[in-house]
Amino acid sequence: MELCREWMVYLGEADTVVAVGDTSAICDLYSSRYVALVDNHRGNIGLPLIERVRALVASDGRRGLIFHSGGCLPDAGVTAERVGIAVIMFDPENGEIEARNRVAIPICREYRLL
């Protein structure tokens, strides 16, 4: 979690904090502009996770961001792009991140990660 918080800070979200207490049941990280979930599971992100973030940003008003150590199933990727959720792959062993959809590209490009 802390590594992804540091990545958000690196990506320009200096006010990012790790969610604690009741907030941690809703999201993992948040800043003034983003709410983020961190998924360390193997495999690909499915539609249920995208829908969870979609509901969160609809009620919260901030942009959605998912850090994941893998990829996205096709329907999840299409939905994430359609609703504006950025998906960023992270590799905790090598300390690297990579945009996994078109929504994440400008975020990573702005900070010269592409």
PDB file of N, CA and C in Angstrom:
ATOM      1  N   MET A   1       0.824  -1.186   0.000  1.00  0.00           N
ATOM      2  CA  MET A   1       0.000   0.000   0.000  1.00  0.00           C
ATOM      3  C   MET A   1       0.875   1.260   0.000  1.00  0.00           C
ATOM      4  N   GLU A   2       1.876   1.237   0.849  1.00  0.00           N
ATOM      5  CA  GLU A   2       2.747   2.404   0.963  1.00  0.00           C
ATOM      6  C   GLU A   2       3.472   2.684  -0.347  1.00  0.00           C
ATOM      7  N   LEU A   3       3.887   1.629  -1.050  1.00  0.00           N
ATOM      8  CA  LEU A   3       4.557   1.824  -2.333  1.00  0.00           C
ATOM      9  C   LEU A   3       3.628   2.540  -3.317  1.00  0.00           C
ATOM     10  N   CYS A   4       2.376   2.141  -3.378  1.00  0.00           N
ATOM     11  CA  CYS A   4       1.427   2.787  -4.292  1.00  0.00           C
ATOM     12  C   CYS A   4       1.141   4.216  -3.848  1.00  0.00           C
ATOM     13  N   ARG A   5       1.122   4.472  -2.552  1.00  0.00           N
ATOM     14  CA  ARG A   5       0.971   5.853  -2.073  1.00  0.00           C
ATOM     15  C   ARG A   5       2.152   6.691  -2.562  1.00  0.00           C
ATOM     16  N   GLU A   6       3.348   6.128  -2.472  1.00  0.00           N
ATOM     17  CA  GLU A   6       4.526   6.851  -2.949  1.00  0.00           C
ATOM     18  C   GLU A   6       4.456   7.106  -4.451  1.00  0.00           C
ATOM     19  N   TRP A   7       3.912   6.124  -5.218  1.00  0.00           N
ATOM     20  CA  TRP A   7       3.748   6.341  -6.651  1.00  0.00           C
ATOM     21  C   TRP A   7       2.763   7.470  -6.918  1.00  0.00           C
ATOM     22  N   MET A   8       1.667   7.512  -6.158  1.00  0.00           N
ATOM     23  CA  MET A   8       0.703   8.608  -6.354  1.00  0.00           C
ATOM     24  C   MET A   8       1.356   9.956  -6.057  1.00  0.00           C
ATOM     25  N   VAL A   9       2.155  10.014  -5.017  1.00  0.00           N
ATOM     26  CA  VAL A   9       2.870  11.257  -4.703  1.00  0.00           C
ATOM     27  C   VAL A   9       3.800  11.608  -5.857  1.00  0.00           C
ATOM     28  N   TYR A  10       4.524  10.616  -6.370  1.00  0.00           N
ATOM     29  CA  TYR A  10       5.421  10.837  -7.502  1.00  0.00           C
ATOM     30  C   TYR A  10       4.653  11.332  -8.729  1.00  0.00           C
ATOM     31  N   LEU A  11       3.431  10.838  -8.902  1.00  0.00           N
ATOM     32  CA  LEU A  11       2.610  11.243 -10.044  1.00  0.00           C
ATOM     33  C   LEU A  11       1.940  12.600  -9.829  1.00  0.00           C
ATOM     34  N   GLY A  12       2.291  13.279  -8.767  1.00  0.00           N
ATOM     35  CA  GLY A  12       1.806  14.642  -8.565  1.00  0.00           C
ATOM     36  C   GLY A  12       0.758  14.819  -7.497  1.00  0.00           C
ATOM     37  N   GLU A  13       0.368  13.742  -6.844  1.00  0.00           N
ATOM     38  CA  GLU A  13      -0.665  13.810  -5.808  1.00  0.00           C
ATOM     39  C   GLU A  13      -0.003  13.836  -4.428  1.00  0.00           C
ATOM     40  N   ALA A  14       0.621  14.965  -4.115  1.00  0.00           N
ATOM     41  CA  ALA A  14       1.422  15.097  -2.888  1.00  0.00           C
ATOM     42  C   ALA A  14       0.611  14.887  -1.615  1.00  0.00           C
ATOM     43  N   ASP A  15      -0.700  15.090  -1.689  1.00  0.00           N
ATOM     44  CA  ASP A  15      -1.524  14.955  -0.483  1.00  0.00           C
ATOM     45  C   ASP A  15      -2.119  13.556  -0.310  1.00  0.00           C
ATOM     46  N   THR A  16      -1.583  12.572  -1.014  1.00  0.00           N
ATOM     47  CA  THR A  16      -2.104  11.197  -0.936  1.00  0.00           C
ATOM     48  C   THR A  16      -1.851  10.584   0.441  1.00  0.00           C
ATOM     49  N   VAL A  17      -2.881   9.944   0.964  1.00  0.00           N
ATOM     50  CA  VAL A  17      -2.757   9.235   2.237  1.00  0.00           C
ATOM     51  C   VAL A  17      -3.322   7.830   2.090  1.00  0.00           C
ATOM     52  N   VAL A  18      -2.848   6.938   2.950  1.00  0.00           N
ATOM     53  CA  VAL A  18      -3.391   5.586   3.030  1.00  0.00           C
ATOM     54  C   VAL A  18      -4.653   5.659   3.865  1.00  0.00           C
ATOM     55  N   ALA A  19      -5.719   5.079   3.364  1.00  0.00           N
ATOM     56  CA  ALA A  19      -7.000   5.089   4.083  1.00  0.00           C
ATOM     57  C   ALA A  19      -6.892   4.241   5.344  1.00  0.00           C
ATOM     58  N   VAL A  20      -7.501   4.716   6.420  1.00  0.00           N
ATOM     59  CA  VAL A  20      -7.536   3.984   7.689  1.00  0.00           C
ATOM     60  C   VAL A  20      -8.964   4.023   8.231  1.00  0.00           C
ATOM     61  N   GLY A  21      -9.219   3.170   9.191  1.00  0.00           N
ATOM     62  CA  GLY A  21     -10.540   3.153   9.827  1.00  0.00           C
ATOM     63  C   GLY A  21     -11.638   2.819   8.846  1.00  0.00           C
ATOM     64  N   ASP A  22     -12.781   3.503   8.991  1.00  0.00           N
ATOM     65  CA  ASP A  22     -13.939   3.252   8.130  1.00  0.00           C
ATOM     66  C   ASP A  22     -13.637   3.520   6.662  1.00  0.00           C
ATOM     67  N   THR A  23     -12.765   4.490   6.395  1.00  0.00           N
ATOM     68  CA  THR A  23     -12.435   4.835   5.015  1.00  0.00           C
ATOM     69  C   THR A  23     -11.761   3.677   4.296  1.00  0.00           C
ATOM     70  N   SER A  24     -11.001   2.862   5.014  1.00  0.00           N
ATOM     71  CA  SER A  24     -10.289   1.762   4.365  1.00  0.00           C
ATOM     72  C   SER A  24     -11.231   0.693   3.816  1.00  0.00           C
ATOM     73  N   ALA A  25     -12.470   0.694   4.246  1.00  0.00           N
ATOM     74  CA  ALA A  25     -13.458  -0.236   3.689  1.00  0.00           C
ATOM     75  C   ALA A  25     -13.952   0.247   2.328  1.00  0.00           C
ATOM     76  N   ILE A  26     -13.703   1.515   2.021  1.00  0.00           N
ATOM     77  CA  ILE A  26     -14.192   2.118   0.778  1.00  0.00           C
ATOM     78  C   ILE A  26     -13.097   2.181  -0.276  1.00  0.00           C
ATOM     79  N   CYS A  27     -11.921   2.639   0.122  1.00  0.00           N
ATOM     80  CA  CYS A  27     -10.802   2.758  -0.804  1.00  0.00           C
ATOM     81  C   CYS A  27      -9.504   2.488  -0.053  1.00  0.00           C
ATOM     82  N   ASP A  28      -8.407   2.386  -0.786  1.00  0.00           N
ATOM     83  CA  ASP A  28      -7.109   2.124  -0.171  1.00  0.00           C
ATOM     84  C   ASP A  28      -6.279   3.394  -0.013  1.00  0.00           C
ATOM     85  N   LEU A  29      -6.358   4.266  -1.003  1.00  0.00           N
ATOM     86  CA  LEU A  29      -5.598   5.512  -1.016  1.00  0.00           C
ATOM     87  C   LEU A  29      -6.503   6.622  -1.495  1.00  0.00           C
ATOM     88  N   TYR A  30      -6.223   7.834  -1.071  1.00  0.00           N
ATOM     89  CA  TYR A  30      -6.976   8.961  -1.614  1.00  0.00           C
ATOM     90  C   TYR A  30      -6.167  10.235  -1.530  1.00  0.00           C
ATOM     91  N   SER A  31      -6.486  11.139  -2.436  1.00  0.00           N
ATOM     92  CA  SER A  31      -5.900  12.478  -2.465  1.00  0.00           C
ATOM     93  C   SER A  31      -7.040  13.433  -2.769  1.00  0.00           C
ATOM     94  N   SER A  32      -6.714  14.680  -2.949  1.00  0.00           N
ATOM     95  CA  SER A  32      -7.779  15.649  -3.242  1.00  0.00           C
ATOM     96  C   SER A  32      -8.405  15.411  -4.614  1.00  0.00           C
ATOM     97  N   ARG A  33      -7.693  14.731  -5.526  1.00  0.00           N
ATOM     98  CA  ARG A  33      -8.223  14.519  -6.879  1.00  0.00           C
ATOM     99  C   ARG A  33      -8.558  13.076  -7.211  1.00  0.00           C
ATOM    100  N   TYR A  34      -8.022  12.107  -6.468  1.00  0.00           N
ATOM    101  CA  TYR A  34      -8.186  10.692  -6.797  1.00  0.00           C
ATOM    102  C   TYR A  34      -8.600   9.866  -5.592  1.00  0.00           C
ATOM    103  N   VAL A  35      -9.336   8.800  -5.872  1.00  0.00           N
ATOM    104  CA  VAL A  35      -9.515   7.700  -4.934  1.00  0.00           C
ATOM    105  C   VAL A  35      -8.938   6.483  -5.645  1.00  0.00           C
ATOM    106  N   ALA A  36      -8.218   5.662  -4.898  1.00  0.00           N
ATOM    107  CA  ALA A  36      -7.518   4.543  -5.533  1.00  0.00           C
ATOM    108  C   ALA A  36      -7.723   3.250  -4.770  1.00  0.00           C
ATOM    109  N   LEU A  37      -7.786   2.178  -5.534  1.00  0.00           N
ATOM    110  CA  LEU A  37      -7.774   0.831  -4.977  1.00  0.00           C
ATOM    111  C   LEU A  37      -6.475   0.160  -5.402  1.00  0.00           C
ATOM    112  N   VAL A  38      -5.934  -0.655  -4.531  1.00  0.00           N
ATOM    113  CA  VAL A  38      -4.725  -1.409  -4.820  1.00  0.00           C
ATOM    114  C   VAL A  38      -5.105  -2.882  -4.820  1.00  0.00           C
ATOM    115  N   ASP A  39      -4.830  -3.558  -5.925  1.00  0.00           N
ATOM    116  CA  ASP A  39      -5.164  -4.977  -6.057  1.00  0.00           C
ATOM    117  C   ASP A  39      -3.876  -5.756  -6.282  1.00  0.00           C
ATOM    118  N   ASN A  40      -3.480  -6.528  -5.284  1.00  0.00           N
ATOM    119  CA  ASN A  40      -2.252  -7.315  -5.359  1.00  0.00           C
ATOM    120  C   ASN A  40      -2.475  -8.741  -5.829  1.00  0.00           C
ATOM    121  N   HIS A  41      -3.687  -9.075  -6.213  1.00  0.00           N
ATOM    122  CA  HIS A  41      -3.994 -10.445  -6.615  1.00  0.00           C
ATOM    123  C   HIS A  41      -3.391 -10.772  -7.974  1.00  0.00           C
ATOM    124  N   ARG A  42      -3.046 -12.037  -8.147  1.00  0.00           N
ATOM    125  CA  ARG A  42      -2.565 -12.487  -9.453  1.00  0.00           C
ATOM    126  C   ARG A  42      -3.716 -12.497 -10.441  1.00  0.00           C
ATOM    127  N   GLY A  43      -3.375 -12.465 -11.699  1.00  0.00           N
ATOM    128  CA  GLY A  43      -4.401 -12.512 -12.729  1.00  0.00           C
ATOM    129  C   GLY A  43      -4.807 -11.128 -13.186  1.00  0.00           C
ATOM    130  N   ASN A  44      -5.951 -11.094 -13.815  1.00  0.00           N
ATOM    131  CA  ASN A  44      -6.435  -9.854 -14.411  1.00  0.00           C
ATOM    132  C   ASN A  44      -7.597  -9.259 -13.626  1.00  0.00           C
ATOM    133  N   ILE A  45      -7.719  -7.964 -13.712  1.00  0.00           N
ATOM    134  CA  ILE A  45      -8.837  -7.266 -13.095  1.00  0.00           C
ATOM    135  C   ILE A  45     -10.110  -7.632 -13.845  1.00  0.00           C
ATOM    136  N   GLY A  46     -11.164  -7.904 -13.114  1.00  0.00           N
ATOM    137  CA  GLY A  46     -12.456  -8.201 -13.710  1.00  0.00           C
ATOM    138  C   GLY A  46     -13.422  -7.040 -13.574  1.00  0.00           C
ATOM    139  N   LEU A  47     -14.549  -7.175 -14.191  1.00  0.00           N
ATOM    140  CA  LEU A  47     -15.576  -6.143 -14.179  1.00  0.00           C
ATOM    141  C   LEU A  47     -16.059  -5.769 -12.768  1.00  0.00           C
ATOM    142  N   PRO A  48     -16.170  -6.699 -11.816  1.00  0.00           N
ATOM    143  CA  PRO A  48     -16.630  -6.304 -10.481  1.00  0.00           C
ATOM    144  C   PRO A  48     -15.770  -5.221  -9.816  1.00  0.00           C
ATOM    145  N   LEU A  49     -14.449  -5.290  -9.993  1.00  0.00           N
ATOM    146  CA  LEU A  49     -13.592  -4.254  -9.406  1.00  0.00           C
ATOM    147  C   LEU A  49     -13.806  -2.910 -10.092  1.00  0.00           C
ATOM    148  N   ILE A  50     -13.950  -2.928 -11.402  1.00  0.00           N
ATOM    149  CA  ILE A  50     -14.206  -1.685 -12.142  1.00  0.00           C
ATOM    150  C   ILE A  50     -15.534  -1.079 -11.688  1.00  0.00           C
ATOM    151  N   GLU A  51     -16.543  -1.912 -11.543  1.00  0.00           N
ATOM    152  CA  GLU A  51     -17.852  -1.411 -11.107  1.00  0.00           C
ATOM    153  C   GLU A  51     -17.780  -0.838  -9.687  1.00  0.00           C
ATOM    154  N   ARG A  52     -16.975  -1.461  -8.836  1.00  0.00           N
ATOM    155  CA  ARG A  52     -16.808  -0.936  -7.473  1.00  0.00           C
ATOM    156  C   ARG A  52     -16.206   0.469  -7.496  1.00  0.00           C
ATOM    157  N   VAL A  53     -15.157   0.645  -8.291  1.00  0.00           N
ATOM    158  CA  VAL A  53     -14.526   1.967  -8.390  1.00  0.00           C
ATOM    159  C   VAL A  53     -15.468   2.954  -9.068  1.00  0.00           C
ATOM    160  N   ARG A  54     -16.193   2.485 -10.066  1.00  0.00           N
ATOM    161  CA  ARG A  54     -17.149   3.343 -10.762  1.00  0.00           C
ATOM    162  C   ARG A  54     -18.201   3.893  -9.793  1.00  0.00           C
ATOM    163  N   ALA A  55     -18.733   3.044  -8.934  1.00  0.00           N
ATOM    164  CA  ALA A  55     -19.722   3.489  -7.944  1.00  0.00           C
ATOM    165  C   ALA A  55     -19.097   4.462  -6.954  1.00  0.00           C
ATOM    166  N   LEU A  56     -17.871   4.190  -6.570  1.00  0.00           N
ATOM    167  CA  LEU A  56     -17.177   5.062  -5.627  1.00  0.00           C
ATOM    168  C   LEU A  56     -16.984   6.461  -6.200  1.00  0.00           C
ATOM    169  N   VAL A  57     -16.482   6.551  -7.423  1.00  0.00           N
ATOM    170  CA  VAL A  57     -16.237   7.880  -7.991  1.00  0.00           C
ATOM    171  C   VAL A  57     -17.540   8.600  -8.320  1.00  0.00           C
ATOM    172  N   ALA A  58     -18.587   7.849  -8.625  1.00  0.00           N
ATOM    173  CA  ALA A  58     -19.880   8.477  -8.900  1.00  0.00           C
ATOM    174  C   ALA A  58     -20.420   9.162  -7.653  1.00  0.00           C
ATOM    175  N   SER A  59     -20.193   8.573  -6.498  1.00  0.00           N
ATOM    176  CA  SER A  59     -20.694   9.163  -5.256  1.00  0.00           C
ATOM    177  C   SER A  59     -19.720  10.156  -4.651  1.00  0.00           C
ATOM    178  N   ASP A  60     -18.446  10.052  -5.000  1.00  0.00           N
ATOM    179  CA  ASP A  60     -17.412  10.870  -4.378  1.00  0.00           C
ATOM    180  C   ASP A  60     -17.045  12.106  -5.196  1.00  0.00           C
ATOM    181  N   GLY A  61     -16.999  11.965  -6.515  1.00  0.00           N
ATOM    182  CA  GLY A  61     -16.651  13.088  -7.375  1.00  0.00           C
ATOM    183  C   GLY A  61     -15.187  13.158  -7.768  1.00  0.00           C
ATOM    184  N   ARG A  62     -14.334  12.401  -7.128  1.00  0.00           N
ATOM    185  CA  ARG A  62     -12.922  12.373  -7.525  1.00  0.00           C
ATOM    186  C   ARG A  62     -12.727  11.369  -8.647  1.00  0.00           C
ATOM    187  N   ARG A  63     -11.566  11.374  -9.257  1.00  0.00           N
ATOM    188  CA  ARG A  63     -11.253  10.429 -10.323  1.00  0.00           C
ATOM    189  C   ARG A  63     -10.836   9.093  -9.735  1.00  0.00           C
ATOM    190  N   GLY A  64     -11.092   8.021 -10.474  1.00  0.00           N
ATOM    191  CA  GLY A  64     -10.758   6.680 -10.018  1.00  0.00           C
ATOM    192  C   GLY A  64      -9.431   6.195 -10.565  1.00  0.00           C
ATOM    193  N   LEU A  65      -8.729   5.464  -9.723  1.00  0.00           N
ATOM    194  CA  LEU A  65      -7.430   4.923 -10.089  1.00  0.00           C
ATOM    195  C   LEU A  65      -7.306   3.529  -9.472  1.00  0.00           C
ATOM    196  N   ILE A  66      -6.829   2.592 -10.268  1.00  0.00           N
ATOM    197  CA  ILE A  66      -6.591   1.238  -9.774  1.00  0.00           C
ATOM    198  C   ILE A  66      -5.130   0.903 -10.018  1.00  0.00           C
ATOM    199  N   PHE A  67      -4.443   0.498  -8.956  1.00  0.00           N
ATOM    200  CA  PHE A  67      -3.102  -0.061  -9.079  1.00  0.00           C
ATOM    201  C   PHE A  67      -3.260  -1.571  -9.036  1.00  0.00           C
ATOM    202  N   HIS A  68      -2.681  -2.240 -10.035  1.00  0.00           N
ATOM    203  CA  HIS A  68      -2.813  -3.697 -10.108  1.00  0.00           C
ATOM    204  C   HIS A  68      -1.496  -4.281 -10.586  1.00  0.00           C
ATOM    205  N   SER A  69      -1.190  -5.466 -10.124  1.00  0.00           N
ATOM    206  CA  SER A  69       0.067  -6.097 -10.514  1.00  0.00           C
ATOM    207  C   SER A  69      -0.064  -6.930 -11.786  1.00  0.00           C
ATOM    208  N   GLY A  70      -1.226  -6.921 -12.423  1.00  0.00           N
ATOM    209  CA  GLY A  70      -1.434  -7.664 -13.653  1.00  0.00           C
ATOM    210  C   GLY A  70      -2.121  -6.822 -14.706  1.00  0.00           C
ATOM    211  N   GLY A  71      -2.992  -7.457 -15.472  1.00  0.00           N
ATOM    212  CA  GLY A  71      -3.691  -6.767 -16.552  1.00  0.00           C
ATOM    213  C   GLY A  71      -5.175  -6.656 -16.285  1.00  0.00           C
ATOM    214  N   CYS A  72      -5.932  -6.462 -17.357  1.00  0.00           N
ATOM    215  CA  CYS A  72      -7.390  -6.301 -17.289  1.00  0.00           C
ATOM    216  C   CYS A  72      -8.044  -7.284 -18.242  1.00  0.00           C
ATOM    217  N   LEU A  73      -9.132  -7.895 -17.801  1.00  0.00           N
ATOM    218  CA  LEU A  73      -9.943  -8.654 -18.740  1.00  0.00           C
ATOM    219  C   LEU A  73     -10.546  -7.677 -19.739  1.00  0.00           C
ATOM    220  N   PRO A  74     -10.794  -8.118 -20.965  1.00  0.00           N
ATOM    221  CA  PRO A  74     -11.273  -7.190 -21.995  1.00  0.00           C
ATOM    222  C   PRO A  74     -12.490  -6.357 -21.600  1.00  0.00           C
ATOM    223  N   ASP A  75     -13.531  -6.983 -21.031  1.00  0.00           N
ATOM    224  CA  ASP A  75     -14.725  -6.211 -20.674  1.00  0.00           C
ATOM    225  C   ASP A  75     -14.432  -5.205 -19.568  1.00  0.00           C
ATOM    226  N   ALA A  76     -13.542  -5.548 -18.654  1.00  0.00           N
ATOM    227  CA  ALA A  76     -13.163  -4.628 -17.586  1.00  0.00           C
ATOM    228  C   ALA A  76     -12.369  -3.456 -18.149  1.00  0.00           C
ATOM    229  N   GLY A  77     -11.461  -3.737 -19.067  1.00  0.00           N
ATOM    230  CA  GLY A  77     -10.663  -2.678 -19.677  1.00  0.00           C
ATOM    231  C   GLY A  77     -11.508  -1.694 -20.464  1.00  0.00           C
ATOM    232  N   VAL A  78     -12.459  -2.214 -21.241  1.00  0.00           N
ATOM    233  CA  VAL A  78     -13.354  -1.358 -22.025  1.00  0.00           C
ATOM    234  C   VAL A  78     -14.196  -0.482 -21.099  1.00  0.00           C
ATOM    235  N   THR A  79     -14.737  -1.078 -20.057  1.00  0.00           N
ATOM    236  CA  THR A  79     -15.566  -0.320 -19.116  1.00  0.00           C
ATOM    237  C   THR A  79     -14.742   0.730 -18.386  1.00  0.00           C
ATOM    238  N   ALA A  80     -13.537   0.368 -17.942  1.00  0.00           N
ATOM    239  CA  ALA A  80     -12.674   1.333 -17.246  1.00  0.00           C
ATOM    240  C   ALA A  80     -12.402   2.542 -18.126  1.00  0.00           C
ATOM    241  N   GLU A  81     -12.080   2.320 -19.374  1.00  0.00           N
ATOM    242  CA  GLU A  81     -11.824   3.441 -20.280  1.00  0.00           C
ATOM    243  C   GLU A  81     -13.085   4.260 -20.514  1.00  0.00           C
ATOM    244  N   ARG A  82     -14.198   3.595 -20.696  1.00  0.00           N
ATOM    245  CA  ARG A  82     -15.454   4.305 -20.968  1.00  0.00           C
ATOM    246  C   ARG A  82     -15.849   5.220 -19.817  1.00  0.00           C
ATOM    247  N   VAL A  83     -15.608   4.788 -18.578  1.00  0.00           N
ATOM    248  CA  VAL A  83     -16.040   5.586 -17.424  1.00  0.00           C
ATOM    249  C   VAL A  83     -14.907   6.418 -16.824  1.00  0.00           C
ATOM    250  N   GLY A  84     -13.712   6.372 -17.430  1.00  0.00           N
ATOM    251  CA  GLY A  84     -12.624   7.250 -17.012  1.00  0.00           C
ATOM    252  C   GLY A  84     -11.811   6.788 -15.823  1.00  0.00           C
ATOM    253  N   ILE A  85     -11.719   5.480 -15.614  1.00  0.00           N
ATOM    254  CA  ILE A  85     -10.923   4.949 -14.512  1.00  0.00           C
ATOM    255  C   ILE A  85      -9.538   4.575 -15.044  1.00  0.00           C
ATOM    256  N   ALA A  86      -8.507   5.131 -14.438  1.00  0.00           N
ATOM    257  CA  ALA A  86      -7.129   4.828 -14.837  1.00  0.00           C
ATOM    258  C   ALA A  86      -6.685   3.518 -14.196  1.00  0.00           C
ATOM    259  N   VAL A  87      -6.072   2.657 -14.998  1.00  0.00           N
ATOM    260  CA  VAL A  87      -5.525   1.397 -14.496  1.00  0.00           C
ATOM    261  C   VAL A  87      -4.010   1.447 -14.702  1.00  0.00           C
ATOM    262  N   ILE A  88      -3.282   1.313 -13.594  1.00  0.00           N
ATOM    263  CA  ILE A  88      -1.826   1.364 -13.637  1.00  0.00           C
ATOM    264  C   ILE A  88      -1.277   0.059 -13.067  1.00  0.00           C
ATOM    265  N   MET A  89      -0.442  -0.613 -13.854  1.00  0.00           N
ATOM    266  CA  MET A  89       0.205  -1.828 -13.409  1.00  0.00           C
ATOM    267  C   MET A  89       1.405  -1.426 -12.566  1.00  0.00           C
ATOM    268  N   PHE A  90       1.583  -2.115 -11.432  1.00  0.00           N
ATOM    269  CA  PHE A  90       2.777  -1.856 -10.642  1.00  0.00           C
ATOM    270  C   PHE A  90       3.528  -3.141 -10.367  1.00  0.00           C
ATOM    271  N   ASP A  91       4.826  -3.021 -10.341  1.00  0.00           N
ATOM    272  CA  ASP A  91       5.711  -4.145 -10.069  1.00  0.00           C
ATOM    273  C   ASP A  91       6.466  -3.806  -8.785  1.00  0.00           C
ATOM    274  N   PRO A  92       6.016  -4.338  -7.645  1.00  0.00           N
ATOM    275  CA  PRO A  92       6.647  -3.968  -6.381  1.00  0.00           C
ATOM    276  C   PRO A  92       8.098  -4.435  -6.264  1.00  0.00           C
ATOM    277  N   GLU A  93       8.449  -5.500  -6.964  1.00  0.00           N
ATOM    278  CA  GLU A  93       9.819  -6.009  -6.873  1.00  0.00           C
ATOM    279  C   GLU A  93      10.809  -5.083  -7.575  1.00  0.00           C
ATOM    280  N   ASN A  94      10.409  -4.528  -8.708  1.00  0.00           N
ATOM    281  CA  ASN A  94      11.299  -3.658  -9.476  1.00  0.00           C
ATOM    282  C   ASN A  94      10.994  -2.177  -9.270  1.00  0.00           C
ATOM    283  N   GLY A  95       9.922  -1.874  -8.532  1.00  0.00           N
ATOM    284  CA  GLY A  95       9.578  -0.484  -8.278  1.00  0.00           C
ATOM    285  C   GLY A  95       9.162   0.278  -9.525  1.00  0.00           C
ATOM    286  N   GLU A  96       8.452  -0.397 -10.444  1.00  0.00           N
ATOM    287  CA  GLU A  96       8.059   0.227 -11.704  1.00  0.00           C
ATOM    288  C   GLU A  96       6.544   0.255 -11.840  1.00  0.00           C
ATOM    289  N   ILE A  97       6.065   1.237 -12.592  1.00  0.00           N
ATOM    290  CA  ILE A  97       4.649   1.299 -12.924  1.00  0.00           C
ATOM    291  C   ILE A  97       4.508   1.518 -14.428  1.00  0.00           C
ATOM    292  N   GLU A  98       3.319   1.153 -14.950  1.00  0.00           N
ATOM    293  CA  GLU A  98       3.060   1.281 -16.379  1.00  0.00           C
ATOM    294  C   GLU A  98       1.569   1.494 -16.597  1.00  0.00           C
ATOM    295  N   ALA A  99       1.231   2.413 -17.492  1.00  0.00           N
ATOM    296  CA  ALA A  99      -0.168   2.650 -17.843  1.00  0.00           C
ATOM    297  C   ALA A  99      -0.718   1.393 -18.500  1.00  0.00           C
ATOM    298  N   ARG A 100      -1.905   0.945 -18.055  1.00  0.00           N
ATOM    299  CA  ARG A 100      -2.530  -0.245 -18.613  1.00  0.00           C
ATOM    300  C   ARG A 100      -3.777   0.069 -19.424  1.00  0.00           C
ATOM    301  N   ASN A 101      -4.156   1.352 -19.460  1.00  0.00           N
ATOM    302  CA  ASN A 101      -5.262   1.740 -20.343  1.00  0.00           C
ATOM    303  C   ASN A 101      -5.041   3.176 -20.790  1.00  0.00           C
ATOM    304  N   ARG A 102      -5.866   3.619 -21.721  1.00  0.00           N
ATOM    305  CA  ARG A 102      -5.688   4.958 -22.286  1.00  0.00           C
ATOM    306  C   ARG A 102      -5.918   6.064 -21.280  1.00  0.00           C
ATOM    307  N   VAL A 103      -6.731   5.824 -20.274  1.00  0.00           N
ATOM    308  CA  VAL A 103      -6.984   6.835 -19.248  1.00  0.00           C
ATOM    309  C   VAL A 103      -5.720   7.077 -18.427  1.00  0.00           C
ATOM    310  N   ALA A 104      -4.928   6.059 -18.214  1.00  0.00           N
ATOM    311  CA  ALA A 104      -3.711   6.178 -17.408  1.00  0.00           C
ATOM    312  C   ALA A 104      -2.541   6.776 -18.181  1.00  0.00           C
ATOM    313  N   ILE A 105      -2.574   6.726 -19.498  1.00  0.00           N
ATOM    314  CA  ILE A 105      -1.440   7.213 -20.299  1.00  0.00           C
ATOM    315  C   ILE A 105      -1.105   8.669 -20.008  1.00  0.00           C
ATOM    316  N   PRO A 106      -2.059   9.602 -20.022  1.00  0.00           N
ATOM    317  CA  PRO A 106      -1.670  10.993 -19.746  1.00  0.00           C
ATOM    318  C   PRO A 106      -1.113  11.190 -18.334  1.00  0.00           C
ATOM    319  N   ILE A 107      -1.590  10.413 -17.396  1.00  0.00           N
ATOM    320  CA  ILE A 107      -1.092  10.510 -16.020  1.00  0.00           C
ATOM    321  C   ILE A 107       0.379  10.111 -16.002  1.00  0.00           C
ATOM    322  N   CYS A 108       0.703   8.997 -16.637  1.00  0.00           N
ATOM    323  CA  CYS A 108       2.078   8.528 -16.657  1.00  0.00           C
ATOM    324  C   CYS A 108       2.956   9.372 -17.588  1.00  0.00           C
ATOM    325  N   ARG A 109       2.427   9.814 -18.704  1.00  0.00           N
ATOM    326  CA  ARG A 109       3.205  10.619 -19.649  1.00  0.00           C
ATOM    327  C   ARG A 109       3.609  11.950 -19.031  1.00  0.00           C
ATOM    328  N   GLU A 110       2.703  12.549 -18.284  1.00  0.00           N
ATOM    329  CA  GLU A 110       2.996  13.843 -17.663  1.00  0.00           C
ATOM    330  C   GLU A 110       4.231  13.764 -16.782  1.00  0.00           C
ATOM    331  N   TYR A 111       4.453  12.619 -16.190  1.00  0.00           N
ATOM    332  CA  TYR A 111       5.589  12.455 -15.303  1.00  0.00           C
ATOM    333  C   TYR A 111       6.685  11.593 -15.930  1.00  0.00           C
ATOM    334  N   ARG A 112       6.670  11.544 -17.265  1.00  0.00           N
ATOM    335  CA  ARG A 112       7.712  10.909 -18.068  1.00  0.00           C
ATOM    336  C   ARG A 112       7.945   9.433 -17.716  1.00  0.00           C
ATOM    337  N   LEU A 113       6.863   8.724 -17.477  1.00  0.00           N
ATOM    338  CA  LEU A 113       6.985   7.307 -17.222  1.00  0.00           C
ATOM    339  C   LEU A 113       6.756   6.495 -18.486  1.00  0.00           C
ATOM    340  N   LEU A 114       6.412   7.162 -19.574  1.00  0.00           N
ATOM    341  CA  LEU A 114       6.224   6.458 -20.851  1.00  0.00           C
ATOM    342  C   LEU A 114       7.324   6.849 -21.811  1.00  0.00           C
TER     343      LEU A 114
END
